[in-house]
Amino acid sequence: IWLSREDGTLQISRTVREENETGLVVPLGLVISIDVKAEGKMVILSLSPPLPPMGFSVPFMAEGHNLQMVALAPSQKDLWPTLATLRFWFQNLVLYGPRVL
């Protein structure tokens, strides 16, 4: 997963992409919570209101369904930079997770 922040949005792309694949564009204001699960193996961003499917999520979504959560699975070496980046970008949110983090 590759994260970037542009124009008030969170840009999420897969590091290994299909040809002409686009990423997810999540407006920062839609992220209402950040939960770290499985001792950092998964970071879940909850969205409200739900976001229509776009980019690489389209093939995985049933028609008429929207994204209520986006799960990130950073590698062990990328966990701390990912959490630090999310804390910086979302200073208004509390990051929930195990105390070991």
N, C-alpha and C. Protein backbone atom coordinates (compact mmCIF):
# COMPACT_ATOMS: atom_id res chain seq x y z
N ILE A 1 0.85 -1.18 0.00
CA ILE A 1 0.00 0.00 0.00
C ILE A 1 0.89 1.23 0.00
N TRP A 2 0.49 2.22 -0.78
CA TRP A 2 1.20 3.49 -0.85
C TRP A 2 0.23 4.57 -0.45
N LEU A 3 0.61 5.44 0.50
CA LEU A 3 -0.26 6.52 0.97
C LEU A 3 0.33 7.86 0.56
N SER A 4 -0.52 8.76 0.17
CA SER A 4 -0.11 10.15 -0.03
C SER A 4 -1.31 11.04 0.29
N ARG A 5 -1.02 12.29 0.55
CA ARG A 5 -2.08 13.22 0.92
C ARG A 5 -2.02 14.41 -0.03
N GLU A 6 -3.12 14.63 -0.74
CA GLU A 6 -3.18 15.73 -1.71
C GLU A 6 -4.56 16.36 -1.68
N ASP A 7 -4.61 17.67 -1.71
CA ASP A 7 -5.87 18.41 -1.85
C ASP A 7 -6.95 17.94 -0.89
N GLY A 8 -6.61 17.70 0.37
CA GLY A 8 -7.60 17.30 1.35
C GLY A 8 -8.10 15.88 1.19
N THR A 9 -7.33 15.05 0.49
CA THR A 9 -7.73 13.65 0.30
C THR A 9 -6.57 12.73 0.66
N LEU A 10 -6.91 11.51 1.02
CA LEU A 10 -5.94 10.46 1.26
C LEU A 10 -5.91 9.60 0.00
N GLN A 11 -4.75 9.50 -0.63
CA GLN A 11 -4.60 8.71 -1.86
C GLN A 11 -4.02 7.36 -1.47
N ILE A 12 -4.72 6.28 -1.76
CA ILE A 12 -4.27 4.94 -1.39
C ILE A 12 -4.07 4.14 -2.68
N SER A 13 -2.87 3.63 -2.86
CA SER A 13 -2.55 2.83 -4.04
C SER A 13 -1.88 1.54 -3.61
N ARG A 14 -2.04 0.51 -4.40
CA ARG A 14 -1.31 -0.73 -4.14
C ARG A 14 0.09 -0.57 -4.70
N THR A 15 1.07 -1.14 -4.02
CA THR A 15 2.45 -1.02 -4.50
C THR A 15 2.67 -1.86 -5.75
N VAL A 16 1.95 -2.96 -5.87
CA VAL A 16 2.00 -3.77 -7.10
C VAL A 16 0.67 -3.56 -7.79
N ARG A 17 0.70 -2.79 -8.87
CA ARG A 17 -0.55 -2.40 -9.53
C ARG A 17 -0.69 -3.09 -10.88
N GLU A 18 -1.94 -3.26 -11.24
CA GLU A 18 -2.26 -3.71 -12.59
C GLU A 18 -2.07 -2.52 -13.52
N GLU A 19 -1.92 -2.79 -14.79
CA GLU A 19 -1.76 -1.71 -15.77
C GLU A 19 -2.97 -0.78 -15.74
N ASN A 20 -2.74 0.51 -15.74
CA ASN A 20 -3.78 1.55 -15.72
C ASN A 20 -4.69 1.50 -14.49
N GLU A 21 -4.25 0.86 -13.42
CA GLU A 21 -5.06 0.78 -12.21
C GLU A 21 -4.99 2.10 -11.44
N THR A 22 -6.14 2.54 -10.96
CA THR A 22 -6.17 3.75 -10.14
C THR A 22 -6.37 3.36 -8.69
N GLY A 23 -6.01 4.26 -7.81
CA GLY A 23 -6.14 4.00 -6.38
C GLY A 23 -7.45 4.52 -5.82
N LEU A 24 -7.54 4.46 -4.50
CA LEU A 24 -8.69 5.02 -3.80
C LEU A 24 -8.38 6.46 -3.45
N VAL A 25 -9.37 7.31 -3.54
CA VAL A 25 -9.23 8.70 -3.13
C VAL A 25 -10.27 8.92 -2.03
N VAL A 26 -9.79 9.07 -0.80
CA VAL A 26 -10.68 9.20 0.36
C VAL A 26 -10.57 10.62 0.91
N PRO A 27 -11.64 11.41 0.87
CA PRO A 27 -11.59 12.72 1.50
C PRO A 27 -11.26 12.58 2.99
N LEU A 28 -10.31 13.38 3.47
CA LEU A 28 -9.87 13.26 4.86
C LEU A 28 -11.01 13.39 5.85
N GLY A 29 -11.98 14.21 5.52
CA GLY A 29 -13.12 14.42 6.42
C GLY A 29 -14.02 13.21 6.60
N LEU A 30 -13.89 12.20 5.73
CA LEU A 30 -14.72 11.01 5.86
C LEU A 30 -14.15 10.02 6.86
N VAL A 31 -12.88 10.13 7.21
CA VAL A 31 -12.26 9.19 8.15
C VAL A 31 -12.68 9.58 9.55
N ILE A 32 -13.45 8.68 10.20
CA ILE A 32 -13.98 9.00 11.53
C ILE A 32 -13.26 8.25 12.65
N SER A 33 -12.55 7.17 12.32
CA SER A 33 -11.77 6.48 13.34
C SER A 33 -10.66 5.66 12.68
N ILE A 34 -9.62 5.41 13.49
CA ILE A 34 -8.49 4.60 13.05
C ILE A 34 -8.25 3.56 14.13
N ASP A 35 -8.36 2.28 13.77
CA ASP A 35 -8.16 1.18 14.71
C ASP A 35 -7.00 0.32 14.23
N VAL A 36 -6.10 0.00 15.16
CA VAL A 36 -4.99 -0.89 14.85
C VAL A 36 -5.35 -2.25 15.42
N LYS A 37 -5.36 -3.26 14.57
CA LYS A 37 -5.76 -4.60 14.97
C LYS A 37 -4.59 -5.56 14.81
N ALA A 38 -4.70 -6.70 15.48
CA ALA A 38 -3.73 -7.79 15.35
C ALA A 38 -2.30 -7.30 15.57
N GLU A 39 -2.13 -6.50 16.63
CA GLU A 39 -0.81 -5.97 17.00
C GLU A 39 -0.10 -5.28 15.84
N GLY A 40 -0.87 -4.52 15.08
CA GLY A 40 -0.30 -3.71 14.02
C GLY A 40 -0.32 -4.34 12.64
N LYS A 41 -0.83 -5.54 12.53
CA LYS A 41 -0.84 -6.18 11.21
C LYS A 41 -1.93 -5.61 10.32
N MET A 42 -2.86 -4.87 10.92
CA MET A 42 -3.93 -4.26 10.14
C MET A 42 -4.32 -2.92 10.76
N VAL A 43 -4.46 -1.91 9.91
CA VAL A 43 -4.91 -0.60 10.34
C VAL A 43 -6.21 -0.33 9.60
N ILE A 44 -7.29 -0.11 10.35
CA ILE A 44 -8.61 0.04 9.75
C ILE A 44 -9.07 1.49 9.87
N LEU A 45 -9.37 2.09 8.73
CA LEU A 45 -9.92 3.44 8.67
C LEU A 45 -11.43 3.31 8.47
N SER A 46 -12.22 3.81 9.40
CA SER A 46 -13.68 3.78 9.25
C SER A 46 -14.12 5.08 8.59
N LEU A 47 -15.06 4.97 7.66
CA LEU A 47 -15.52 6.11 6.87
C LEU A 47 -16.99 6.41 7.13
N SER A 48 -17.30 7.68 7.18
CA SER A 48 -18.70 8.09 7.28
C SER A 48 -18.85 9.45 6.61
N PRO A 49 -19.76 9.56 5.67
CA PRO A 49 -20.61 8.50 5.12
C PRO A 49 -19.79 7.55 4.26
N PRO A 50 -20.33 6.35 4.00
CA PRO A 50 -19.62 5.39 3.16
C PRO A 50 -19.30 5.97 1.78
N LEU A 51 -18.23 5.48 1.21
CA LEU A 51 -17.71 5.99 -0.06
C LEU A 51 -18.04 5.02 -1.20
N PRO A 52 -18.51 5.52 -2.34
CA PRO A 52 -18.75 4.62 -3.48
C PRO A 52 -17.43 3.96 -3.91
N PRO A 53 -17.48 2.73 -4.40
CA PRO A 53 -16.27 2.04 -4.83
C PRO A 53 -15.58 2.80 -5.96
N MET A 54 -14.25 2.76 -5.94
CA MET A 54 -13.46 3.39 -6.99
C MET A 54 -12.12 2.69 -7.08
N GLY A 55 -11.42 2.95 -8.14
CA GLY A 55 -10.07 2.42 -8.29
C GLY A 55 -10.03 0.91 -8.16
N PHE A 56 -9.03 0.41 -7.44
CA PHE A 56 -8.84 -1.03 -7.35
C PHE A 56 -9.90 -1.73 -6.50
N SER A 57 -10.78 -0.97 -5.81
CA SER A 57 -11.82 -1.61 -4.99
C SER A 57 -13.00 -2.10 -5.82
N VAL A 58 -13.19 -1.56 -7.01
CA VAL A 58 -14.39 -1.88 -7.82
C VAL A 58 -14.57 -3.37 -8.06
N PRO A 59 -13.54 -4.12 -8.49
CA PRO A 59 -13.76 -5.54 -8.75
C PRO A 59 -14.15 -6.35 -7.51
N PHE A 60 -13.89 -5.82 -6.33
CA PHE A 60 -14.16 -6.56 -5.09
C PHE A 60 -15.50 -6.21 -4.46
N MET A 61 -16.19 -5.21 -5.00
CA MET A 61 -17.42 -4.72 -4.38
C MET A 61 -18.64 -5.20 -5.14
N ALA A 62 -19.65 -5.62 -4.39
CA ALA A 62 -20.93 -5.98 -5.00
C ALA A 62 -21.63 -4.69 -5.43
N GLU A 63 -22.37 -4.77 -6.50
CA GLU A 63 -23.06 -3.59 -7.01
C GLU A 63 -23.99 -3.02 -5.94
N GLY A 64 -23.97 -1.70 -5.79
CA GLY A 64 -24.82 -1.03 -4.83
C GLY A 64 -24.22 -0.91 -3.43
N HIS A 65 -23.06 -1.53 -3.19
CA HIS A 65 -22.42 -1.44 -1.88
C HIS A 65 -21.38 -0.33 -1.88
N ASN A 66 -21.14 0.23 -0.72
CA ASN A 66 -20.16 1.30 -0.55
C ASN A 66 -19.10 0.89 0.46
N LEU A 67 -17.98 1.62 0.43
CA LEU A 67 -16.89 1.35 1.36
C LEU A 67 -17.17 2.01 2.70
N GLN A 68 -17.29 1.21 3.75
CA GLN A 68 -17.47 1.75 5.10
C GLN A 68 -16.16 1.74 5.86
N MET A 69 -15.23 0.88 5.41
CA MET A 69 -13.92 0.77 6.03
C MET A 69 -12.88 0.49 4.96
N VAL A 70 -11.67 0.95 5.24
CA VAL A 70 -10.53 0.63 4.39
C VAL A 70 -9.48 0.04 5.32
N ALA A 71 -9.02 -1.18 5.02
CA ALA A 71 -8.01 -1.83 5.84
C ALA A 71 -6.66 -1.75 5.14
N LEU A 72 -5.67 -1.30 5.89
CA LEU A 72 -4.29 -1.26 5.41
C LEU A 72 -3.52 -2.36 6.12
N ALA A 73 -2.63 -3.03 5.41
CA ALA A 73 -1.82 -4.09 6.00
C ALA A 73 -0.34 -3.78 5.78
N PRO A 74 0.21 -2.86 6.59
CA PRO A 74 1.61 -2.50 6.40
C PRO A 74 2.53 -3.65 6.81
N SER A 75 3.68 -3.74 6.16
CA SER A 75 4.67 -4.73 6.57
C SER A 75 5.21 -4.32 7.93
N GLN A 76 5.88 -5.22 8.62
CA GLN A 76 6.40 -4.93 9.95
C GLN A 76 7.32 -3.71 9.93
N LYS A 77 8.17 -3.61 8.90
CA LYS A 77 9.10 -2.48 8.83
C LYS A 77 8.38 -1.17 8.49
N ASP A 78 7.20 -1.25 7.88
CA ASP A 78 6.45 -0.05 7.52
C ASP A 78 5.41 0.35 8.55
N LEU A 79 5.24 -0.46 9.59
CA LEU A 79 4.18 -0.20 10.57
C LEU A 79 4.37 1.15 11.26
N TRP A 80 5.52 1.41 11.86
CA TRP A 80 5.73 2.65 12.60
C TRP A 80 5.64 3.88 11.70
N PRO A 81 6.27 3.88 10.52
CA PRO A 81 6.09 5.05 9.64
C PRO A 81 4.63 5.26 9.23
N THR A 82 3.89 4.18 9.01
CA THR A 82 2.47 4.29 8.65
C THR A 82 1.68 4.91 9.79
N LEU A 83 1.89 4.41 11.01
CA LEU A 83 1.16 4.95 12.16
C LEU A 83 1.54 6.40 12.44
N ALA A 84 2.82 6.72 12.32
CA ALA A 84 3.25 8.10 12.55
C ALA A 84 2.64 9.04 11.51
N THR A 85 2.58 8.59 10.26
CA THR A 85 1.99 9.40 9.20
C THR A 85 0.50 9.62 9.45
N LEU A 86 -0.21 8.56 9.82
CA LEU A 86 -1.65 8.69 10.07
C LEU A 86 -1.91 9.58 11.30
N ARG A 87 -1.08 9.45 12.33
CA ARG A 87 -1.24 10.33 13.50
C ARG A 87 -1.05 11.79 13.11
N PHE A 88 -0.07 12.06 12.26
CA PHE A 88 0.20 13.43 11.83
C PHE A 88 -0.95 13.97 10.98
N TRP A 89 -1.43 13.15 10.04
CA TRP A 89 -2.49 13.59 9.14
C TRP A 89 -3.84 13.73 9.84
N PHE A 90 -4.08 12.89 10.84
CA PHE A 90 -5.38 12.87 11.52
C PHE A 90 -5.21 13.21 12.99
N GLN A 91 -4.68 14.38 13.26
CA GLN A 91 -4.41 14.79 14.64
C GLN A 91 -5.69 14.94 15.45
N ASN A 92 -6.82 15.11 14.80
CA ASN A 92 -8.09 15.27 15.49
C ASN A 92 -8.70 13.94 15.93
N LEU A 93 -8.14 12.81 15.47
CA LEU A 93 -8.68 11.50 15.80
C LEU A 93 -7.80 10.79 16.81
N VAL A 94 -8.42 9.95 17.62
CA VAL A 94 -7.68 9.08 18.53
C VAL A 94 -7.38 7.79 17.78
N LEU A 95 -6.14 7.34 17.85
CA LEU A 95 -5.75 6.09 17.21
C LEU A 95 -5.93 4.98 18.23
N TYR A 96 -6.80 4.03 17.96
CA TYR A 96 -7.09 2.94 18.89
C TYR A 96 -6.28 1.72 18.51
N GLY A 97 -5.79 1.00 19.52
CA GLY A 97 -5.03 -0.21 19.24
C GLY A 97 -4.40 -0.78 20.49
N PRO A 98 -3.65 -1.86 20.32
CA PRO A 98 -2.99 -2.50 21.47
C PRO A 98 -1.99 -1.55 22.13
N ARG A 99 -1.83 -1.69 23.42
CA ARG A 99 -0.89 -0.85 24.17
C ARG A 99 0.55 -1.04 23.73
N VAL A 100 0.89 -2.20 23.16
CA VAL A 100 2.27 -2.46 22.75
C VAL A 100 2.70 -1.54 21.63
N LEU A 101 1.74 -0.90 20.96
CA LEU A 101 2.09 0.01 19.88
C LEU A 101 2.30 1.38 20.44
